[in-house]
Every structure is written in C-alpha cells, then in structure tokens.
Protein backbone atom coordinates (compact mmCIF):
# COMPACT_ATOMS: atom_id res chain seq x y z
CA MET A 1 154.95 -40.27 78.10
CA THR A 2 152.72 -42.75 79.86
CA ASP A 3 153.03 -46.47 79.50
CA ALA A 4 149.69 -48.31 79.84
CA SER A 5 151.44 -51.61 80.40
CA GLY A 6 152.40 -50.72 83.93
CA PRO A 7 155.60 -49.62 85.76
CA ILE A 8 158.69 -49.56 83.71
CA GLU A 9 161.52 -51.73 84.89
CA PRO A 10 164.96 -50.18 85.07
CA LEU A 11 167.04 -50.81 82.08
CA GLY A 12 170.76 -51.48 81.98
CA ARG A 13 172.94 -51.87 84.96
CA PRO A 14 174.43 -49.37 87.39
CA GLY A 15 177.31 -47.44 85.85
CA GLN A 16 176.35 -48.69 82.36
CA PRO A 17 174.38 -46.96 79.60
CA VAL A 18 170.57 -47.22 80.06
CA LEU A 19 170.28 -49.51 77.07
CA ASP A 20 173.19 -51.86 77.03
CA ARG A 21 173.04 -54.91 74.76
CA LEU A 22 171.40 -57.14 77.44
CA ALA A 23 168.79 -54.48 78.22
CA PHE A 24 167.96 -53.95 74.62
CA GLU A 25 167.49 -57.69 74.06
CA ARG A 26 165.03 -57.74 76.89
CA LEU A 27 163.29 -54.81 75.37
CA SER A 28 163.11 -56.53 71.93
CA VAL A 29 161.64 -59.71 73.36
CA ALA A 30 159.01 -57.85 75.44
CA HIS A 31 157.73 -55.75 72.64
CA ARG A 32 158.33 -57.43 69.29
CA ARG A 33 154.97 -58.97 68.83
CA ALA A 34 153.01 -55.92 69.83
CA LEU A 35 155.09 -53.69 67.61
CA LYS A 36 154.76 -56.08 64.63
CA LEU A 37 150.96 -55.94 65.15
CA HIS A 38 151.02 -52.18 65.15
CA CYS A 39 153.07 -52.21 61.93
CA TYR A 40 150.56 -54.64 60.40
CA ARG A 41 147.57 -52.42 61.32
CA MET A 42 149.35 -49.52 59.62
CA MET A 43 150.40 -51.28 56.51
CA GLY A 44 147.86 -54.10 56.03
CA SER A 45 150.65 -56.50 55.18
CA LEU A 46 152.35 -59.30 57.05
CA ASN A 47 155.43 -59.16 55.13
CA GLU A 48 155.88 -55.37 55.33
CA ALA A 49 155.14 -55.59 59.14
CA ASP A 50 158.05 -58.16 59.41
CA ASP A 51 160.38 -55.81 57.62
CA LEU A 52 159.30 -52.70 59.62
CA VAL A 53 159.65 -54.20 63.01
CA GLN A 54 163.13 -55.18 62.09
CA GLU A 55 163.77 -51.64 60.94
CA THR A 56 162.31 -50.32 64.13
CA PHE A 57 164.76 -52.24 66.33
CA LEU A 58 167.66 -51.36 64.12
CA LYS A 59 166.92 -47.69 64.37
CA ALA A 60 166.35 -48.01 68.13
CA TRP A 61 169.65 -49.72 68.67
CA ARG A 62 171.45 -47.01 66.71
CA ALA A 63 169.57 -44.32 68.63
CA ARG A 64 169.86 -45.96 72.03
CA SER A 65 171.89 -43.16 73.47
CA GLN A 66 168.99 -40.80 73.02
CA PHE A 67 166.85 -42.84 75.48
CA ASP A 68 167.64 -41.75 79.01
CA GLY A 69 165.37 -44.18 80.86
CA ARG A 70 163.07 -41.50 82.29
CA GLY A 71 160.25 -42.03 79.75
CA SER A 72 158.47 -45.14 78.45
CA ALA A 73 160.56 -47.50 76.42
CA ARG A 74 157.45 -48.91 75.03
CA GLY A 75 156.26 -45.40 73.89
CA TRP A 76 159.79 -44.69 72.37
CA LEU A 77 159.62 -47.84 70.30
CA TYR A 78 156.04 -47.18 69.07
CA ALA A 79 157.16 -43.69 68.03
CA ILE A 80 160.05 -45.19 65.93
CA ALA A 81 157.78 -47.92 64.42
CA THR A 82 155.03 -45.39 63.52
CA LYS A 83 157.41 -43.04 61.72
CA SER A 84 158.95 -45.94 59.95
CA CYS A 85 155.42 -46.99 58.72
CA LEU A 86 154.50 -43.49 57.66
CA ASN A 87 157.68 -43.32 55.59
CA ALA A 88 157.08 -46.72 54.01
CA ILE A 89 153.63 -45.77 53.08
CA LYS A 90 154.78 -42.52 51.45
CA ALA A 91 157.44 -44.54 49.51
CA ARG A 92 155.23 -47.30 48.15
CA SER A 93 153.04 -47.06 45.09
CA ALA A 94 149.81 -48.11 46.77
CA GLY A 95 148.98 -46.18 49.93
CA ARG A 96 146.55 -48.75 51.30
CA ARG A 97 145.59 -52.38 50.93
CA ILE A 98 142.06 -53.52 50.19
CA LEU A 99 139.69 -56.46 50.55
CA GLN A 100 137.18 -54.85 48.20
CA GLN A 101 137.96 -52.63 45.18
CA PRO A 102 136.60 -49.14 45.80
CA GLY A 103 133.35 -48.44 43.96
CA ARG A 104 133.01 -51.96 42.59
CA PRO A 105 129.42 -53.28 43.18
CA PRO A 106 128.76 -56.89 44.29
CA SER A 107 128.78 -59.58 41.58
CA ASP A 108 125.83 -61.81 40.72
CA GLY A 109 127.48 -64.39 38.45
CA GLY A 110 130.74 -66.22 37.95
CA ALA A 111 134.11 -64.72 38.35
CA THR A 112 135.66 -64.12 35.02
CA GLY A 113 138.36 -61.55 35.61
CA GLY A 114 141.02 -63.64 37.01
CA PRO A 115 143.46 -62.78 39.81
CA THR A 116 144.41 -59.11 39.98
CA ALA A 117 148.02 -58.62 40.82
CA GLU A 118 148.07 -54.85 40.30
CA LEU A 119 145.91 -54.19 43.34
CA ALA A 120 147.52 -54.34 46.81
CA TRP A 121 145.41 -56.88 48.81
CA LEU A 122 145.00 -56.82 52.65
CA GLU A 123 146.68 -59.78 54.14
CA PRO A 124 145.45 -61.83 57.15
CA TYR A 125 147.46 -62.01 60.45
CA PRO A 126 148.45 -65.33 62.13
CA ASP A 127 147.10 -65.62 65.74
CA ALA A 128 150.35 -67.31 66.60
CA GLU A 129 152.06 -63.90 66.01
CA LEU A 130 149.66 -62.02 68.20
CA PRO A 131 150.66 -60.60 71.56
CA ASP A 132 148.84 -61.94 74.59
CA ILE A 133 145.50 -60.19 73.94
CA ALA A 134 144.15 -61.29 77.28
CA ASP A 135 146.89 -59.20 79.03
CA ASP A 136 147.05 -56.35 76.40
CA ARG A 137 146.05 -53.35 78.39
CA PRO A 138 145.54 -50.24 76.26
CA GLY A 139 145.77 -46.81 77.76
CA PRO A 140 142.63 -45.20 79.43
CA GLU A 141 141.75 -43.26 76.36
CA ALA A 142 141.42 -46.30 74.09
CA ARG A 143 138.15 -46.84 72.39
CA TYR A 144 138.67 -50.34 71.01
CA GLU A 145 139.09 -53.58 72.81
CA ALA A 146 142.34 -55.31 71.97
CA ARG A 147 140.55 -58.26 70.02
CA GLU A 148 138.25 -55.84 68.16
CA ALA A 149 141.20 -53.90 66.93
CA VAL A 150 142.71 -57.17 65.41
CA ARG A 151 139.62 -58.12 63.27
CA LEU A 152 140.18 -58.40 59.61
CA ALA A 153 137.19 -55.93 58.97
CA PHE A 154 138.77 -53.42 61.41
CA VAL A 155 142.13 -53.54 59.63
CA ALA A 156 140.42 -53.26 56.19
CA ALA A 157 138.40 -50.24 57.42
CA ILE A 158 141.45 -48.25 58.69
CA GLN A 159 143.24 -48.89 55.45
CA LEU A 160 140.70 -46.38 53.99
CA LEU A 161 142.13 -43.62 56.12
CA PRO A 162 144.92 -41.27 55.02
CA PRO A 163 148.18 -42.31 56.72
CA ARG A 164 148.20 -39.49 59.26
CA GLN A 165 144.65 -40.17 60.22
CA ARG A 166 145.33 -43.90 60.43
CA ALA A 167 148.31 -43.33 62.68
CA ALA A 168 146.38 -40.94 64.99
CA LEU A 169 143.47 -43.36 65.32
CA LEU A 170 145.75 -46.28 66.12
CA LEU A 171 147.76 -44.37 68.66
CA CYS A 172 144.90 -42.84 70.47
CA ASP A 173 141.87 -45.16 69.98
CA VAL A 174 143.75 -48.55 69.98
CA LEU A 175 146.84 -47.83 72.12
CA GLY A 176 145.28 -45.19 74.32
CA TRP A 177 147.78 -42.45 73.85
CA SER A 178 146.62 -38.92 74.66
CA ALA A 179 146.24 -36.21 71.92
CA ILE A 180 149.24 -34.34 73.49
CA GLU A 181 151.54 -37.46 73.07
CA THR A 182 150.23 -38.09 69.52
CA ALA A 183 150.78 -34.52 68.52
CA GLN A 184 154.36 -34.73 69.76
CA LEU A 185 154.98 -37.78 67.62
CA LEU A 186 153.05 -36.83 64.44
CA GLY A 187 153.64 -32.99 64.68
CA GLY A 188 151.00 -30.45 64.62
CA THR A 189 148.86 -29.11 67.34
CA ILE A 190 146.47 -30.97 69.67
CA ALA A 191 143.58 -29.45 67.89
CA SER A 192 144.85 -30.88 64.62
CA ILE A 193 145.15 -34.31 66.10
CA ASN A 194 141.58 -34.14 67.51
CA SER A 195 140.35 -32.98 64.14
CA ALA A 196 142.13 -35.92 62.45
CA LEU A 197 140.59 -38.32 64.95
CA GLN A 198 137.06 -36.90 64.31
CA ARG A 199 137.40 -37.41 60.54
CA ALA A 200 138.91 -40.91 61.06
CA ARG A 201 136.12 -41.97 63.45
CA ALA A 202 133.47 -40.76 61.09
CA THR A 203 134.98 -42.65 58.16
CA LEU A 204 135.04 -45.84 60.22
CA ARG A 205 131.39 -45.39 61.26
CA ASP A 206 130.40 -44.93 57.65
CA ARG A 207 132.38 -47.78 56.17
CA GLN A 208 132.52 -50.37 58.97
CA GLY A 209 129.23 -50.07 60.77
CA SER A 210 128.54 -51.77 64.01
CA PRO A 211 130.65 -54.86 64.63
CA PRO A 212 129.06 -58.26 65.54
CA GLN A 213 128.29 -58.65 69.23
CA ARG A 214 129.91 -61.67 70.67
CA SER A 215 131.92 -62.98 73.55
CA TRP A 216 135.70 -63.69 73.16
CA PRO A 217 135.76 -66.58 72.45
CA GLY A 218 132.33 -68.14 72.70
CA PRO A 219 131.36 -71.75 72.41
CA GLU A 220 129.20 -70.99 69.34
CA GLU A 221 132.33 -69.93 67.52
CA GLY A 222 133.96 -73.48 67.93
CA VAL A 223 130.67 -75.17 66.90
CA LEU A 224 130.44 -72.95 63.79
CA LEU A 225 134.09 -73.74 62.81
CA GLU A 226 133.51 -77.43 63.25
CA ARG A 227 130.40 -77.40 60.99
CA TYR A 228 132.19 -75.27 58.39
CA MET A 229 135.12 -77.70 58.32
CA ARG A 230 132.79 -80.61 57.99
CA ALA A 231 130.96 -78.99 55.07
CA TRP A 232 134.31 -78.81 53.15
CA GLN A 233 135.41 -82.17 54.18
CA ALA A 234 132.12 -83.76 53.26
CA ASP A 235 131.88 -81.79 49.94
CA ASN A 236 128.57 -80.42 51.23
CA LEU A 237 127.98 -77.11 49.50
CA ASP A 238 124.38 -76.77 50.71
CA GLY A 239 125.60 -77.36 54.29
CA LEU A 240 128.17 -74.61 53.85
CA VAL A 241 125.69 -72.21 52.45
CA GLY A 242 123.30 -72.86 55.30
CA LEU A 243 125.86 -71.54 57.73
CA LEU A 244 125.83 -68.11 56.14
CA ARG A 245 123.71 -65.20 57.41
CA GLU A 246 121.29 -64.00 54.75
CA ASP A 247 123.21 -60.69 54.31
CA ALA A 248 126.60 -62.30 54.52
CA VAL A 249 129.55 -60.84 52.46
CA TYR A 250 132.07 -62.93 50.65
CA HIS A 251 135.53 -61.74 49.32
CA MET A 252 138.13 -63.82 47.49
CA PRO A 253 141.47 -61.92 47.10
CA PRO A 254 143.20 -61.62 44.66
CA TRP A 255 139.91 -61.62 42.57
CA ARG A 256 138.05 -58.41 42.06
CA GLU A 257 134.65 -60.07 42.43
CA TRP A 258 132.81 -60.09 45.74
CA TYR A 259 129.33 -61.24 46.74
CA HIS A 260 126.57 -60.03 49.00
CA GLY A 261 123.87 -62.32 50.33
CA HIS A 262 123.89 -66.10 50.95
CA GLN A 263 122.03 -66.74 47.72
CA ALA A 264 124.47 -64.96 45.52
CA ILE A 265 127.47 -66.53 47.46
CA GLY A 266 125.92 -69.99 47.04
CA ALA A 267 125.28 -69.57 43.36
CA PHE A 268 128.90 -68.46 42.72
CA LEU A 269 130.41 -71.29 44.86
CA GLY A 270 128.28 -73.65 42.88
CA THR A 271 130.14 -72.65 39.73
CA VAL A 272 133.51 -73.56 41.13
CA TRP A 273 132.84 -76.28 43.90
CA GLY A 274 133.40 -79.19 41.53
CA ASN A 275 136.77 -78.09 40.24
CA PHE A 276 138.52 -80.40 42.63
CA ALA A 277 138.01 -84.09 43.66
CA GLY A 278 138.02 -83.24 47.39
CA TYR A 279 138.94 -80.78 50.09
CA ARG A 280 140.79 -81.10 53.43
CA PRO A 281 140.49 -78.31 55.97
CA VAL A 282 142.88 -77.61 58.74
CA ALA A 283 141.94 -75.31 61.59
CA ILE A 284 144.12 -72.26 62.21
CA GLY A 285 143.53 -68.74 63.60
CA ALA A 286 143.74 -65.51 61.90
CA ASN A 287 143.01 -61.90 63.26
CA ALA A 288 141.60 -63.40 66.37
CA GLN A 289 138.95 -64.98 64.28
CA PRO A 290 138.18 -68.57 63.35
CA ALA A 291 140.07 -69.62 60.18
CA VAL A 292 141.06 -72.63 58.22
CA GLY A 293 143.55 -73.61 55.52
CA VAL A 294 142.04 -75.84 52.83
CA TYR A 295 143.91 -78.37 50.72
CA ALA A 296 142.36 -79.46 47.35
CA LEU A 297 142.79 -82.81 45.64
CA GLY A 298 143.48 -82.42 41.89
CA ARG A 299 141.17 -84.33 39.64
CA GLN A 300 143.82 -85.21 37.04
CA ASP A 301 146.95 -85.97 39.11
CA CYS A 302 145.24 -86.96 42.44
CA VAL A 303 147.67 -84.75 44.37
CA TRP A 304 146.75 -82.77 47.47
CA ARG A 305 147.97 -79.10 47.21
CA PRO A 306 147.43 -75.93 49.33
CA HIS A 307 144.40 -74.10 47.96
CA SER A 308 142.89 -71.36 50.05
CA LEU A 309 142.99 -69.71 53.43
CA HIS A 310 139.68 -68.78 54.89
CA VAL A 311 138.95 -66.12 57.56
CA ILE A 312 135.48 -66.31 59.20
CA GLU A 313 133.56 -63.47 60.84
CA PRO A 314 131.00 -65.20 63.06
CA ASP A 315 127.83 -63.51 64.41
CA ASP A 316 125.29 -65.34 66.72
CA GLY A 317 126.12 -68.82 65.33
CA LYS A 318 126.22 -67.69 61.62
CA ILE A 319 128.87 -66.45 59.26
CA ALA A 320 128.50 -62.74 58.71
CA SER A 321 131.55 -62.38 56.50
CA LEU A 322 133.79 -64.86 54.69
CA THR A 323 137.04 -63.99 53.18
CA ILE A 324 138.75 -66.74 51.24
CA TYR A 325 142.31 -66.03 49.96
CA VAL A 326 142.34 -68.19 46.80
CA PRO A 327 145.33 -69.07 44.36
CA PRO A 328 147.84 -67.70 43.92
CA LEU A 329 147.61 -65.62 47.13
CA GLY A 330 146.03 -68.33 49.37
CA PRO A 331 148.68 -70.89 48.94
CA ALA A 332 151.50 -68.28 49.34
CA LEU A 333 150.12 -67.49 52.89
CA PHE A 334 150.34 -71.13 54.07
CA ALA A 335 153.92 -71.03 55.45
CA ALA A 336 153.12 -67.82 57.46
CA PHE A 337 150.40 -69.79 59.26
CA GLY A 338 152.44 -72.84 59.97
CA LEU A 339 150.71 -74.98 57.31
CA ARG A 340 152.69 -77.65 55.53
CA PRO A 341 152.93 -77.84 51.71
CA GLU A 342 150.74 -81.03 51.90
CA PRO A 343 148.13 -82.06 54.45
CA VAL A 344 149.08 -84.52 57.23
CA ALA A 345 147.72 -87.96 56.41
CA SER A 346 144.57 -88.72 58.28
C-alpha cells in the first residue's frame, strides 16, 4: 500500500517489535487528527468521530503484532478506522446525518414545528481539530482538494451515500487510494469498487452541484465575516440580509424548516430577530469556513447565554449558504469550539 504523505520512517528500535510503545505513541500523535477527520466524514458527527478514533488506536495497539513495518502505517490505521466506522453505521439506528430532511420543500413562513430530536443532524467540525490542511497531500488519484473535502456542504452530500459508497469515495477521491487498495479493504473486485465510485460521484453531482469558486482563504472572506458579525452586534437585520446571495440557502438544525432565497430568509429572521435584547458574536472556524458563535441577551433576566453556532459558505463576497445551529443543539456545541459558557466582557 502506498502512503501519499511521503517516506515512512522506521518504527521501533533494532531488536524490538516494529511497534513498541514509543513508536506507537509517535504514530498516534502523527495521525490522530487526520484519522479523526476521516471518521467525522464517514459519520457526520464530532462526538462519534472522537469515539471511533479512540477505538481505532485501541484496536491498532491490540493488533500491533500484525504490522510488520513493510507497508504504510498510515494506510494500516485508515483501514482500521474505516472498518470501525462501517460497523458503527451498521449498528446505529440512523445510517446518515442530515442538514435538510429529505423531500421537505423550503418553507415560506415562520418555524412552528420546534426542535426535532428524532432526526440525526450533521454536526460542524472545529478548525482547531483539523490536520494541517496546507500540508495535507492526498494520493495522486484524489479528486478533491483537502479544504474542499472539509466543507460542510461536502460532508452533508456524502452522508447521502450508502456506507460502502461513502467509504470508497473517501478512500479514493479524498485520500487518493487506488481501486486495488480500496478493494482489498472493503472487499469485492476492482470492478465493483469502480462501479461504486461511479454511482457515488453521480449522486454528488446531482445533490451538491458545483462548489463556489474561491481562493483559500481570500481577503473577501475576512471582510464578509466582519460585516456579518457587525450586523449581529448592531442588531441590524437589514444589513445581514444584504450580505446574502439572492439564491442563498438557510438551514437551522435541529429545526426541520429551511429557507431558499434572501427574501424568504429575511422574512423568517424578521419573525425571531427581536426575541432577545442583544447579540454578541465571537469569530471561530468550522469546516475550514468562516463561522461564529453567538451569545444572546435575555430580555427578562438580562443574562448573556450561548445561543447559536453559525457556519458560513461564502461566494464572491456574498453568503451562498448559512447554517445556524440553534438551541438546544447550538449551545451544546460551544464547548467543542472552545467557547465559554458566557461571552468575555468587552
């Protein structure tokens, strides 16, 4: 198995097993973040990714005698992680996580259904947990740039794939594995892997469309984030709506309702904007996209509390897509992004 990250350093010491404890610790440090991201892509859940990367290293330690050092340690770990994810998907009640309920049309009025706990919602991923994307070199057969394969829209799209197709696409098109290597891991023939890839790619083309064209990161992105934060800070709904592209899309997990078009989004936000006495945004990063955590000031008790976590998809100076994780899901995500229970006094 090839390893796109470059030459593999010798593991262990002369006269000792290939993976002694020191070598295994080095391996864990080197690959933990990348493996966690892989598990997140497979599962769509930050918490499940945490559990599965721990399970991966536990299984690897127990099976360390099976690794002889002649292959890729990185590939060996990805194989264990992928199998663990496939088993976890098979065992759970919901095979995929969503940003939008399948078949549900966009809303054109207020949200009345309330939070929906029975649906499994796709979670965002903290940039602080990402591997060094600038140095993340996939294999020669990869079709996606490292940053593109982190975007919330991409992770949402691959959740639509059956688990085997999802794994094949991530291994081949994101990590750059060959069809031969992927077939060895997933089982089946090379032809079956190529067939699974063709079906997966077709689904992504139909569901995701063409991603926004932009540099990584661009100066416009920072300006857009500043304007977005100022709009919340200044209680300026019109200013916020003015940042949206005409065909922008708005999701608000864990509510079923979603909105299409800046007019529909603005009309909905107008129904809830005055529920609090003020807002205080804090810049963060999620899925290699601009993001903010927003605290809200209660009108009755005048207490600042975590309210929502916002992930922005920019496109040429405008917002193409806005995903706002609202209560109770939004506040539950604050700790994972390093946000305090209350805003720092300004």
